[in-house]
Amino acid sequence: MFARWITSAVSVLVFAGPARAQRPELGRWLIELEPLPILSSGIGVSARFVPSRASRFAIGISGVTQDVEGFAQDVVFANADALETRLTWALGVEALYFLRAQQRGFHVSATAGIEEFRARTTSAGPRLQDVRTNGFGTLQLGYVWYPGIGGLYINPRIGGITTFATDHQRSVGGTSYELERIFPSAWLRIGLRL
């Protein structure tokens, strides 16, 4: 009996090596940086987990902070020209589906999260501000391209954002402004596959 147990243990140890080498990969992390918010005094980062190299699905989290000014302010807010606006923070959970395996090429994604905006008066005198927290959801179409430099990749995306708030219209310092309910958006992310 003891000899059978030893024989079984040796068989498992000898043959487990090749079997282990043929097992699928357990998963990978994709880390991304959004360089455009840096131009607006902010930063955007995300981390996604892919179950295996051949998987078409990925799930992750993302966060961003930045000033919302110029063209971006006109897209996100109505009647906010006299205000200084900032996306104080936004945190989201995202799911992606790649049309090809190995996390390359086109993908569709959806994100749900919460965000906080700050609107501040720019006139002389005391600076008044309004801070609002709301939910958001996004649908995006993107493309992941690997230029051949290790695991480095570029991920441009276009899509739309829907905001969920109890009061889209607010006022600060006598200026009434409104957070748009739906607006277009574009992202550029630079990532690294670990």
N, C-alpha and C. Protein backbone atom coordinates (compact mmCIF):
# COMPACT_ATOMS: atom_id res chain seq x y z
N MET A 1 0.82 -1.18 0.00
CA MET A 1 0.00 0.00 0.00
C MET A 1 0.87 1.26 0.00
N PHE A 2 1.90 1.25 0.88
CA PHE A 2 2.80 2.38 0.94
C PHE A 2 3.52 2.56 -0.40
N ALA A 3 3.88 1.45 -1.06
CA ALA A 3 4.56 1.51 -2.35
C ALA A 3 3.66 2.14 -3.42
N ARG A 4 2.36 1.81 -3.38
CA ARG A 4 1.43 2.42 -4.35
C ARG A 4 1.32 3.92 -4.14
N TRP A 5 1.30 4.34 -2.88
CA TRP A 5 1.20 5.76 -2.57
C TRP A 5 2.44 6.50 -3.09
N ILE A 6 3.63 5.91 -2.88
CA ILE A 6 4.88 6.50 -3.37
C ILE A 6 4.87 6.56 -4.89
N THR A 7 4.44 5.50 -5.53
CA THR A 7 4.37 5.47 -6.99
C THR A 7 3.42 6.54 -7.51
N SER A 8 2.30 6.71 -6.87
CA SER A 8 1.33 7.74 -7.28
C SER A 8 1.91 9.13 -7.10
N ALA A 9 2.58 9.37 -5.97
CA ALA A 9 3.17 10.68 -5.70
C ALA A 9 4.25 11.01 -6.72
N VAL A 10 5.10 10.05 -7.05
CA VAL A 10 6.16 10.27 -8.04
C VAL A 10 5.53 10.56 -9.41
N SER A 11 4.49 9.82 -9.76
CA SER A 11 3.83 10.04 -11.05
C SER A 11 3.27 11.46 -11.14
N VAL A 12 2.65 11.91 -10.06
CA VAL A 12 2.11 13.27 -10.05
C VAL A 12 3.22 14.29 -10.19
N LEU A 13 4.32 14.12 -9.47
CA LEU A 13 5.43 15.07 -9.53
C LEU A 13 6.10 15.08 -10.91
N VAL A 14 6.26 13.91 -11.49
CA VAL A 14 6.94 13.81 -12.79
C VAL A 14 6.07 14.38 -13.90
N PHE A 15 4.80 14.05 -13.88
CA PHE A 15 3.94 14.46 -14.99
C PHE A 15 3.23 15.79 -14.77
N ALA A 16 3.31 16.36 -13.59
CA ALA A 16 2.64 17.64 -13.33
C ALA A 16 3.36 18.77 -14.04
N GLY A 17 4.68 18.68 -14.22
CA GLY A 17 5.43 19.75 -14.89
C GLY A 17 4.91 20.03 -16.28
N PRO A 18 4.89 19.05 -17.21
CA PRO A 18 4.38 19.30 -18.54
C PRO A 18 2.91 19.71 -18.55
N ALA A 19 2.12 19.11 -17.68
CA ALA A 19 0.70 19.47 -17.63
C ALA A 19 0.55 20.92 -17.18
N ARG A 20 1.38 21.34 -16.23
CA ARG A 20 1.31 22.70 -15.74
C ARG A 20 1.70 23.68 -16.85
N ALA A 21 2.69 23.33 -17.66
CA ALA A 21 3.13 24.22 -18.73
C ALA A 21 2.05 24.40 -19.79
N GLN A 22 1.14 23.45 -19.93
CA GLN A 22 0.09 23.54 -20.93
C GLN A 22 -1.16 24.24 -20.41
N ARG A 23 -1.22 24.55 -19.13
CA ARG A 23 -2.37 25.24 -18.58
C ARG A 23 -2.44 26.65 -19.13
N PRO A 24 -3.65 27.20 -19.27
CA PRO A 24 -3.74 28.57 -19.76
C PRO A 24 -3.22 29.57 -18.73
N GLU A 25 -2.80 30.70 -19.23
CA GLU A 25 -2.31 31.78 -18.39
C GLU A 25 -3.42 32.24 -17.44
N LEU A 26 -3.06 32.62 -16.23
CA LEU A 26 -4.06 32.95 -15.22
C LEU A 26 -4.66 34.34 -15.37
N GLY A 27 -4.01 35.25 -16.00
CA GLY A 27 -4.55 36.59 -16.15
C GLY A 27 -3.46 37.64 -16.25
N ARG A 28 -3.85 38.82 -16.69
CA ARG A 28 -2.90 39.93 -16.84
C ARG A 28 -3.54 41.22 -16.39
N TRP A 29 -2.68 42.16 -16.08
CA TRP A 29 -3.13 43.51 -15.74
C TRP A 29 -2.73 44.45 -16.87
N LEU A 30 -3.61 45.38 -17.19
CA LEU A 30 -3.34 46.45 -18.14
C LEU A 30 -3.43 47.76 -17.35
N ILE A 31 -2.37 48.53 -17.34
CA ILE A 31 -2.31 49.80 -16.62
C ILE A 31 -2.27 50.92 -17.66
N GLU A 32 -3.13 51.95 -17.49
CA GLU A 32 -3.20 53.02 -18.47
C GLU A 32 -3.08 54.40 -17.82
N LEU A 33 -2.53 55.33 -18.59
CA LEU A 33 -2.41 56.74 -18.20
C LEU A 33 -3.09 57.57 -19.28
N GLU A 34 -3.86 58.56 -18.86
CA GLU A 34 -4.47 59.49 -19.81
C GLU A 34 -3.63 60.77 -19.80
N PRO A 35 -2.90 61.06 -20.88
CA PRO A 35 -2.03 62.24 -20.87
C PRO A 35 -2.79 63.57 -21.04
N LEU A 36 -3.96 63.58 -21.68
CA LEU A 36 -4.65 64.84 -21.93
C LEU A 36 -5.08 65.57 -20.66
N PRO A 37 -5.56 64.89 -19.60
CA PRO A 37 -5.88 65.63 -18.37
C PRO A 37 -4.67 66.34 -17.77
N ILE A 38 -3.46 65.87 -18.04
CA ILE A 38 -2.26 66.54 -17.52
C ILE A 38 -2.18 67.96 -18.06
N LEU A 39 -2.64 68.18 -19.30
CA LEU A 39 -2.65 69.51 -19.88
C LEU A 39 -3.67 70.42 -19.20
N SER A 40 -4.60 69.85 -18.45
CA SER A 40 -5.63 70.62 -17.74
C SER A 40 -5.48 70.46 -16.23
N SER A 41 -4.25 70.45 -15.76
CA SER A 41 -3.94 70.36 -14.33
C SER A 41 -4.58 69.15 -13.66
N GLY A 42 -4.48 68.00 -14.29
CA GLY A 42 -5.07 66.79 -13.72
C GLY A 42 -4.32 65.55 -14.12
N ILE A 43 -4.96 64.41 -13.93
CA ILE A 43 -4.38 63.13 -14.32
C ILE A 43 -5.52 62.11 -14.43
N GLY A 44 -5.31 61.15 -15.30
CA GLY A 44 -6.27 60.05 -15.44
C GLY A 44 -5.51 58.74 -15.47
N VAL A 45 -5.96 57.77 -14.69
CA VAL A 45 -5.34 56.45 -14.64
C VAL A 45 -6.41 55.38 -14.62
N SER A 46 -6.04 54.20 -15.08
CA SER A 46 -6.96 53.07 -15.01
C SER A 46 -6.15 51.78 -14.92
N ALA A 47 -6.78 50.77 -14.37
CA ALA A 47 -6.20 49.44 -14.28
C ALA A 47 -7.29 48.44 -14.63
N ARG A 48 -6.94 47.52 -15.52
CA ARG A 48 -7.91 46.50 -15.94
C ARG A 48 -7.29 45.13 -15.79
N PHE A 49 -8.15 44.15 -15.50
CA PHE A 49 -7.73 42.77 -15.39
C PHE A 49 -8.33 41.97 -16.53
N VAL A 50 -7.48 41.19 -17.21
CA VAL A 50 -7.91 40.31 -18.30
C VAL A 50 -7.71 38.88 -17.81
N PRO A 51 -8.77 38.04 -17.82
CA PRO A 51 -8.65 36.69 -17.27
C PRO A 51 -7.58 35.81 -17.92
N SER A 52 -7.36 35.94 -19.23
CA SER A 52 -6.31 35.17 -19.90
C SER A 52 -5.89 35.91 -21.16
N ARG A 53 -4.78 35.50 -21.74
CA ARG A 53 -4.27 36.16 -22.94
C ARG A 53 -5.27 36.07 -24.10
N ALA A 54 -5.99 34.98 -24.18
CA ALA A 54 -6.95 34.78 -25.27
C ALA A 54 -8.32 35.40 -24.99
N SER A 55 -8.52 35.93 -23.80
CA SER A 55 -9.82 36.45 -23.41
C SER A 55 -10.18 37.71 -24.21
N ARG A 56 -11.45 37.87 -24.47
CA ARG A 56 -11.95 39.08 -25.13
C ARG A 56 -12.54 40.05 -24.12
N PHE A 57 -12.64 39.66 -22.87
CA PHE A 57 -13.23 40.49 -21.83
C PHE A 57 -12.18 41.06 -20.90
N ALA A 58 -12.46 42.24 -20.35
CA ALA A 58 -11.61 42.84 -19.33
C ALA A 58 -12.51 43.66 -18.41
N ILE A 59 -12.14 43.71 -17.14
CA ILE A 59 -12.85 44.55 -16.18
C ILE A 59 -11.83 45.40 -15.46
N GLY A 60 -12.25 46.58 -15.02
CA GLY A 60 -11.27 47.43 -14.37
C GLY A 60 -11.88 48.60 -13.65
N ILE A 61 -11.00 49.47 -13.16
CA ILE A 61 -11.38 50.69 -12.48
C ILE A 61 -10.63 51.84 -13.12
N SER A 62 -11.21 53.03 -13.05
CA SER A 62 -10.55 54.20 -13.60
C SER A 62 -10.83 55.41 -12.73
N GLY A 63 -9.94 56.37 -12.80
CA GLY A 63 -10.09 57.61 -12.05
C GLY A 63 -9.48 58.75 -12.82
N VAL A 64 -10.07 59.94 -12.67
CA VAL A 64 -9.57 61.12 -13.37
C VAL A 64 -9.89 62.37 -12.57
N THR A 65 -9.07 63.37 -12.71
CA THR A 65 -9.30 64.71 -12.18
C THR A 65 -8.72 65.69 -13.18
N GLN A 66 -9.40 66.83 -13.39
CA GLN A 66 -8.89 67.84 -14.33
C GLN A 66 -9.75 69.08 -14.31
N ASP A 67 -9.18 70.19 -14.78
CA ASP A 67 -9.96 71.40 -15.02
C ASP A 67 -10.84 71.16 -16.24
N VAL A 68 -12.03 71.73 -16.21
CA VAL A 68 -12.94 71.64 -17.36
C VAL A 68 -13.08 73.07 -17.88
N GLU A 69 -12.37 73.36 -18.97
CA GLU A 69 -12.31 74.73 -19.47
C GLU A 69 -12.37 74.75 -21.00
N GLY A 70 -12.65 75.91 -21.56
CA GLY A 70 -12.69 76.07 -23.01
C GLY A 70 -13.77 75.22 -23.66
N PHE A 71 -13.38 74.51 -24.71
CA PHE A 71 -14.32 73.68 -25.47
C PHE A 71 -14.96 72.61 -24.59
N ALA A 72 -14.16 71.99 -23.71
CA ALA A 72 -14.69 70.94 -22.82
C ALA A 72 -15.78 71.50 -21.92
N GLN A 73 -15.60 72.71 -21.42
CA GLN A 73 -16.62 73.33 -20.57
C GLN A 73 -17.91 73.56 -21.34
N ASP A 74 -17.80 73.98 -22.60
CA ASP A 74 -18.99 74.19 -23.43
C ASP A 74 -19.74 72.88 -23.69
N VAL A 75 -19.03 71.77 -23.76
CA VAL A 75 -19.65 70.48 -24.02
C VAL A 75 -20.32 69.92 -22.76
N VAL A 76 -19.67 70.08 -21.60
CA VAL A 76 -20.14 69.47 -20.35
C VAL A 76 -21.20 70.33 -19.65
N PHE A 77 -21.07 71.64 -19.72
CA PHE A 77 -21.97 72.56 -19.01
C PHE A 77 -22.65 73.52 -19.98
N ALA A 78 -23.84 73.95 -19.59
CA ALA A 78 -24.53 75.04 -20.30
C ALA A 78 -24.49 76.27 -19.40
N ASN A 79 -24.23 77.42 -19.99
CA ASN A 79 -24.23 78.72 -19.28
C ASN A 79 -23.18 78.82 -18.19
N ALA A 80 -22.03 78.20 -18.35
CA ALA A 80 -20.99 78.23 -17.33
C ALA A 80 -19.80 79.09 -17.73
N ASP A 81 -19.96 79.93 -18.75
CA ASP A 81 -18.83 80.74 -19.25
C ASP A 81 -18.23 81.65 -18.18
N ALA A 82 -19.05 82.13 -17.26
CA ALA A 82 -18.56 83.05 -16.23
C ALA A 82 -18.01 82.30 -15.01
N LEU A 83 -17.90 80.99 -15.11
CA LEU A 83 -17.45 80.19 -13.98
C LEU A 83 -16.16 79.44 -14.31
N GLU A 84 -15.42 79.12 -13.27
CA GLU A 84 -14.24 78.25 -13.38
C GLU A 84 -14.72 76.86 -12.93
N THR A 85 -14.61 75.88 -13.79
CA THR A 85 -15.13 74.54 -13.46
C THR A 85 -14.00 73.51 -13.43
N ARG A 86 -14.19 72.54 -12.55
CA ARG A 86 -13.19 71.47 -12.40
C ARG A 86 -13.90 70.15 -12.09
N LEU A 87 -13.42 69.10 -12.72
CA LEU A 87 -13.81 67.75 -12.34
C LEU A 87 -12.89 67.39 -11.18
N THR A 88 -13.40 67.53 -9.97
CA THR A 88 -12.58 67.32 -8.78
C THR A 88 -12.08 65.88 -8.73
N TRP A 89 -12.98 64.94 -9.00
CA TRP A 89 -12.61 63.54 -9.10
C TRP A 89 -13.74 62.77 -9.77
N ALA A 90 -13.37 61.68 -10.40
CA ALA A 90 -14.34 60.74 -10.97
C ALA A 90 -13.76 59.35 -10.81
N LEU A 91 -14.58 58.42 -10.35
CA LEU A 91 -14.17 57.03 -10.18
C LEU A 91 -15.19 56.15 -10.88
N GLY A 92 -14.71 55.20 -11.67
CA GLY A 92 -15.62 54.34 -12.40
C GLY A 92 -15.17 52.89 -12.45
N VAL A 93 -16.13 52.03 -12.69
CA VAL A 93 -15.88 50.61 -12.92
C VAL A 93 -16.22 50.37 -14.38
N GLU A 94 -15.31 49.72 -15.11
CA GLU A 94 -15.53 49.54 -16.54
C GLU A 94 -15.43 48.09 -16.96
N ALA A 95 -16.15 47.77 -18.03
CA ALA A 95 -16.11 46.45 -18.64
C ALA A 95 -15.85 46.65 -20.13
N LEU A 96 -14.94 45.86 -20.68
CA LEU A 96 -14.59 45.96 -22.09
C LEU A 96 -14.79 44.62 -22.78
N TYR A 97 -15.16 44.68 -24.04
CA TYR A 97 -15.24 43.49 -24.87
C TYR A 97 -14.44 43.77 -26.14
N PHE A 98 -13.40 42.98 -26.38
CA PHE A 98 -12.56 43.12 -27.57
C PHE A 98 -13.13 42.28 -28.70
N LEU A 99 -13.17 42.83 -29.90
CA LEU A 99 -13.67 42.09 -31.04
C LEU A 99 -12.69 41.02 -31.50
N ARG A 100 -11.41 41.16 -31.13
CA ARG A 100 -10.38 40.14 -31.39
C ARG A 100 -9.80 39.69 -30.06
N ALA A 101 -9.24 38.51 -30.05
CA ALA A 101 -8.59 38.01 -28.84
C ALA A 101 -7.28 38.75 -28.61
N GLN A 102 -6.69 38.55 -27.46
CA GLN A 102 -5.40 39.11 -27.05
C GLN A 102 -5.44 40.63 -26.86
N GLN A 103 -6.59 41.16 -26.55
CA GLN A 103 -6.76 42.59 -26.21
C GLN A 103 -6.14 43.52 -27.24
N ARG A 104 -6.46 43.28 -28.52
CA ARG A 104 -5.98 44.11 -29.63
C ARG A 104 -7.14 44.54 -30.48
N GLY A 105 -6.94 45.61 -31.22
CA GLY A 105 -7.94 46.05 -32.18
C GLY A 105 -9.13 46.74 -31.51
N PHE A 106 -10.27 46.66 -32.17
CA PHE A 106 -11.46 47.38 -31.70
C PHE A 106 -12.04 46.75 -30.45
N HIS A 107 -12.60 47.60 -29.61
CA HIS A 107 -13.32 47.13 -28.42
C HIS A 107 -14.49 48.07 -28.13
N VAL A 108 -15.48 47.55 -27.46
CA VAL A 108 -16.58 48.36 -26.94
C VAL A 108 -16.49 48.28 -25.43
N SER A 109 -16.86 49.37 -24.77
CA SER A 109 -16.75 49.37 -23.32
C SER A 109 -17.87 50.20 -22.71
N ALA A 110 -18.13 49.91 -21.47
CA ALA A 110 -19.12 50.65 -20.69
C ALA A 110 -18.53 50.91 -19.31
N THR A 111 -18.79 52.10 -18.80
CA THR A 111 -18.30 52.50 -17.48
C THR A 111 -19.45 53.07 -16.67
N ALA A 112 -19.49 52.77 -15.40
CA ALA A 112 -20.46 53.37 -14.48
C ALA A 112 -19.68 53.88 -13.27
N GLY A 113 -20.05 55.06 -12.77
CA GLY A 113 -19.31 55.58 -11.63
C GLY A 113 -19.93 56.82 -11.04
N ILE A 114 -19.16 57.46 -10.17
CA ILE A 114 -19.57 58.72 -9.55
C ILE A 114 -18.47 59.74 -9.77
N GLU A 115 -18.88 61.01 -9.75
CA GLU A 115 -17.92 62.09 -9.99
C GLU A 115 -18.35 63.32 -9.20
N GLU A 116 -17.38 64.21 -9.00
CA GLU A 116 -17.66 65.46 -8.30
C GLU A 116 -17.12 66.61 -9.14
N PHE A 117 -17.98 67.59 -9.41
CA PHE A 117 -17.60 68.81 -10.11
C PHE A 117 -17.61 69.98 -9.14
N ARG A 118 -16.74 70.94 -9.41
CA ARG A 118 -16.73 72.18 -8.64
C ARG A 118 -16.88 73.34 -9.62
N ALA A 119 -17.79 74.26 -9.33
CA ALA A 119 -17.95 75.48 -10.12
C ALA A 119 -17.66 76.65 -9.20
N ARG A 120 -16.82 77.57 -9.66
CA ARG A 120 -16.37 78.70 -8.83
C ARG A 120 -16.54 80.00 -9.60
N THR A 121 -16.93 81.05 -8.90
CA THR A 121 -17.06 82.36 -9.55
C THR A 121 -15.67 82.90 -9.87
N THR A 122 -15.60 83.69 -10.93
CA THR A 122 -14.30 84.26 -11.33
C THR A 122 -14.26 85.77 -11.13
N SER A 123 -15.35 86.37 -10.68
CA SER A 123 -15.40 87.82 -10.51
C SER A 123 -14.59 88.25 -9.30
N ALA A 124 -14.30 89.56 -9.26
CA ALA A 124 -13.56 90.12 -8.13
C ALA A 124 -14.41 90.00 -6.87
N GLY A 125 -13.75 90.00 -5.76
CA GLY A 125 -14.49 89.86 -4.49
C GLY A 125 -14.40 88.43 -4.00
N PRO A 126 -15.26 88.09 -3.04
CA PRO A 126 -15.20 86.73 -2.51
C PRO A 126 -15.55 85.70 -3.59
N ARG A 127 -14.74 84.66 -3.63
CA ARG A 127 -14.97 83.60 -4.62
C ARG A 127 -15.94 82.58 -4.03
N LEU A 128 -17.07 82.45 -4.67
CA LEU A 128 -18.08 81.51 -4.23
C LEU A 128 -17.96 80.24 -5.06
N GLN A 129 -18.31 79.11 -4.45
CA GLN A 129 -18.22 77.87 -5.20
C GLN A 129 -19.42 76.96 -4.91
N ASP A 130 -19.68 76.09 -5.87
CA ASP A 130 -20.73 75.08 -5.75
C ASP A 130 -20.09 73.74 -6.06
N VAL A 131 -20.28 72.78 -5.19
CA VAL A 131 -19.73 71.43 -5.39
C VAL A 131 -20.90 70.48 -5.56
N ARG A 132 -20.84 69.64 -6.58
CA ARG A 132 -21.93 68.70 -6.87
C ARG A 132 -21.35 67.32 -7.12
N THR A 133 -22.03 66.30 -6.61
CA THR A 133 -21.65 64.91 -6.85
C THR A 133 -22.79 64.25 -7.59
N ASN A 134 -22.47 63.51 -8.62
CA ASN A 134 -23.50 62.84 -9.42
C ASN A 134 -22.95 61.53 -9.98
N GLY A 135 -23.85 60.73 -10.51
CA GLY A 135 -23.47 59.48 -11.16
C GLY A 135 -23.27 59.71 -12.64
N PHE A 136 -22.57 58.78 -13.28
CA PHE A 136 -22.39 58.88 -14.73
C PHE A 136 -22.28 57.47 -15.32
N GLY A 137 -22.54 57.39 -16.60
CA GLY A 137 -22.37 56.16 -17.36
C GLY A 137 -21.82 56.50 -18.72
N THR A 138 -20.96 55.65 -19.27
CA THR A 138 -20.40 55.89 -20.59
C THR A 138 -20.52 54.65 -21.46
N LEU A 139 -20.63 54.87 -22.74
CA LEU A 139 -20.49 53.84 -23.77
C LEU A 139 -19.42 54.33 -24.72
N GLN A 140 -18.47 53.45 -25.06
CA GLN A 140 -17.32 53.89 -25.85
C GLN A 140 -16.95 52.85 -26.90
N LEU A 141 -16.35 53.33 -27.96
CA LEU A 141 -15.74 52.49 -28.98
C LEU A 141 -14.27 52.87 -29.01
N GLY A 142 -13.39 51.89 -28.91
CA GLY A 142 -11.97 52.18 -28.88
C GLY A 142 -11.17 51.22 -29.75
N TYR A 143 -9.89 51.51 -29.84
CA TYR A 143 -8.98 50.68 -30.63
C TYR A 143 -7.66 50.57 -29.88
N VAL A 144 -7.20 49.36 -29.62
CA VAL A 144 -5.91 49.15 -28.95
C VAL A 144 -4.88 48.76 -29.99
N TRP A 145 -3.79 49.55 -30.04
CA TRP A 145 -2.72 49.32 -31.01
C TRP A 145 -1.40 49.18 -30.26
N TYR A 146 -0.69 48.09 -30.54
CA TYR A 146 0.63 47.83 -29.96
C TYR A 146 1.68 48.20 -31.01
N PRO A 147 2.49 49.25 -30.76
CA PRO A 147 3.49 49.65 -31.76
C PRO A 147 4.73 48.76 -31.79
N GLY A 148 4.79 47.72 -30.95
CA GLY A 148 5.94 46.82 -30.98
C GLY A 148 7.02 47.16 -29.97
N ILE A 149 6.68 47.93 -28.95
CA ILE A 149 7.64 48.30 -27.91
C ILE A 149 7.22 47.59 -26.63
N GLY A 150 7.60 46.34 -26.48
CA GLY A 150 7.21 45.57 -25.30
C GLY A 150 5.70 45.47 -25.19
N GLY A 151 5.17 45.70 -24.01
CA GLY A 151 3.73 45.65 -23.80
C GLY A 151 3.05 47.00 -23.91
N LEU A 152 3.77 48.02 -24.41
CA LEU A 152 3.21 49.37 -24.53
C LEU A 152 2.14 49.41 -25.62
N TYR A 153 1.04 50.12 -25.37
CA TYR A 153 -0.01 50.25 -26.37
C TYR A 153 -0.68 51.62 -26.27
N ILE A 154 -1.41 51.96 -27.34
CA ILE A 154 -2.16 53.21 -27.42
C ILE A 154 -3.63 52.84 -27.58
N ASN A 155 -4.50 53.54 -26.84
CA ASN A 155 -5.92 53.20 -26.81
C ASN A 155 -6.78 54.46 -26.95
N PRO A 156 -7.01 54.95 -28.19
CA PRO A 156 -7.95 56.06 -28.36
C PRO A 156 -9.39 55.55 -28.28
N ARG A 157 -10.29 56.39 -27.75
CA ARG A 157 -11.69 56.03 -27.61
C ARG A 157 -12.58 57.23 -27.92
N ILE A 158 -13.77 56.93 -28.43
CA ILE A 158 -14.80 57.95 -28.57
C ILE A 158 -16.08 57.37 -27.96
N GLY A 159 -16.94 58.24 -27.51
CA GLY A 159 -18.17 57.73 -26.91
C GLY A 159 -19.05 58.84 -26.40
N GLY A 160 -19.95 58.46 -25.56
CA GLY A 160 -20.89 59.40 -24.96
C GLY A 160 -20.99 59.17 -23.47
N ILE A 161 -21.31 60.25 -22.76
CA ILE A 161 -21.46 60.20 -21.31
C ILE A 161 -22.88 60.63 -20.95
N THR A 162 -23.48 59.91 -20.05
CA THR A 162 -24.78 60.28 -19.50
C THR A 162 -24.58 60.56 -18.02
N THR A 163 -25.11 61.70 -17.55
CA THR A 163 -24.98 62.05 -16.13
C THR A 163 -26.31 61.83 -15.43
N PHE A 164 -26.23 61.41 -14.19
CA PHE A 164 -27.41 61.16 -13.37
C PHE A 164 -27.30 62.04 -12.12
N ALA A 165 -28.16 63.04 -12.04
CA ALA A 165 -28.14 63.95 -10.90
C ALA A 165 -29.57 64.31 -10.51
N THR A 166 -29.76 64.64 -9.25
CA THR A 166 -31.09 65.06 -8.81
C THR A 166 -31.41 66.46 -9.28
N ASP A 167 -30.38 67.25 -9.52
CA ASP A 167 -30.58 68.63 -9.98
C ASP A 167 -29.48 68.99 -10.98
N HIS A 168 -29.79 68.92 -12.24
CA HIS A 168 -28.80 69.26 -13.26
C HIS A 168 -28.54 70.76 -13.31
N GLN A 169 -29.53 71.56 -12.94
CA GLN A 169 -29.37 73.01 -12.96
C GLN A 169 -29.05 73.51 -11.56
N ARG A 170 -27.98 74.30 -11.46
CA ARG A 170 -27.53 74.83 -10.17
C ARG A 170 -27.20 76.30 -10.33
N SER A 171 -26.89 76.95 -9.20
CA SER A 171 -26.55 78.36 -9.21
C SER A 171 -25.43 78.62 -8.22
N VAL A 172 -24.52 79.51 -8.60
CA VAL A 172 -23.44 79.93 -7.71
C VAL A 172 -23.15 81.40 -7.98
N GLY A 173 -23.15 82.21 -6.93
CA GLY A 173 -22.86 83.64 -7.06
C GLY A 173 -23.75 84.35 -8.05
N GLY A 174 -25.01 83.97 -8.15
CA GLY A 174 -25.94 84.61 -9.07
C GLY A 174 -25.87 84.08 -10.49
N THR A 175 -24.98 83.17 -10.78
CA THR A 175 -24.87 82.58 -12.12
C THR A 175 -25.53 81.21 -12.10
N SER A 176 -26.51 81.03 -12.95
CA SER A 176 -27.17 79.74 -13.07
C SER A 176 -26.49 78.95 -14.19
N TYR A 177 -26.14 77.71 -13.92
CA TYR A 177 -25.48 76.86 -14.92
C TYR A 177 -26.10 75.48 -14.88
N GLU A 178 -25.82 74.68 -15.89
CA GLU A 178 -26.44 73.36 -15.97
C GLU A 178 -25.44 72.32 -16.45
N LEU A 179 -25.45 71.18 -15.77
CA LEU A 179 -24.65 70.03 -16.19
C LEU A 179 -25.46 69.30 -17.26
N GLU A 180 -24.85 69.12 -18.42
CA GLU A 180 -25.56 68.45 -19.52
C GLU A 180 -25.88 67.01 -19.13
N ARG A 181 -27.02 66.51 -19.59
CA ARG A 181 -27.43 65.15 -19.28
C ARG A 181 -26.70 64.12 -20.15
N ILE A 182 -26.47 64.46 -21.40
CA ILE A 182 -25.75 63.59 -22.35
C ILE A 182 -24.79 64.46 -23.14
N PHE A 183 -23.54 64.01 -23.27
CA PHE A 183 -22.59 64.75 -24.09
C PHE A 183 -21.52 63.81 -24.65
N PRO A 184 -20.92 64.17 -25.78
CA PRO A 184 -19.88 63.33 -26.39
C PRO A 184 -18.55 63.49 -25.66
N SER A 185 -17.69 62.50 -25.83
CA SER A 185 -16.36 62.60 -25.23
C SER A 185 -15.36 61.79 -26.04
N ALA A 186 -14.10 62.11 -25.83
CA ALA A 186 -13.00 61.40 -26.49
C ALA A 186 -11.87 61.24 -25.48
N TRP A 187 -11.20 60.11 -25.54
CA TRP A 187 -10.09 59.80 -24.63
C TRP A 187 -8.91 59.31 -25.44
N LEU A 188 -7.73 59.51 -24.90
CA LEU A 188 -6.53 58.90 -25.43
C LEU A 188 -5.79 58.34 -24.23
N ARG A 189 -5.59 57.03 -24.24
CA ARG A 189 -4.89 56.38 -23.14
C ARG A 189 -3.64 55.70 -23.67
N ILE A 190 -2.58 55.77 -22.88
CA ILE A 190 -1.35 55.04 -23.18
C ILE A 190 -1.20 53.99 -22.09
N GLY A 191 -1.06 52.75 -22.51
CA GLY A 191 -1.09 51.65 -21.55
C GLY A 191 0.12 50.74 -21.62
N LEU A 192 0.19 49.88 -20.63
CA LEU A 192 1.24 48.89 -20.53
C LEU A 192 0.61 47.58 -20.09
N ARG A 193 0.83 46.54 -20.88
CA ARG A 193 0.35 45.21 -20.54
C ARG A 193 1.41 44.54 -19.68
N LEU A 194 1.05 44.19 -18.47
CA LEU A 194 2.01 43.58 -17.53
C LEU A 194 2.00 42.07 -17.65
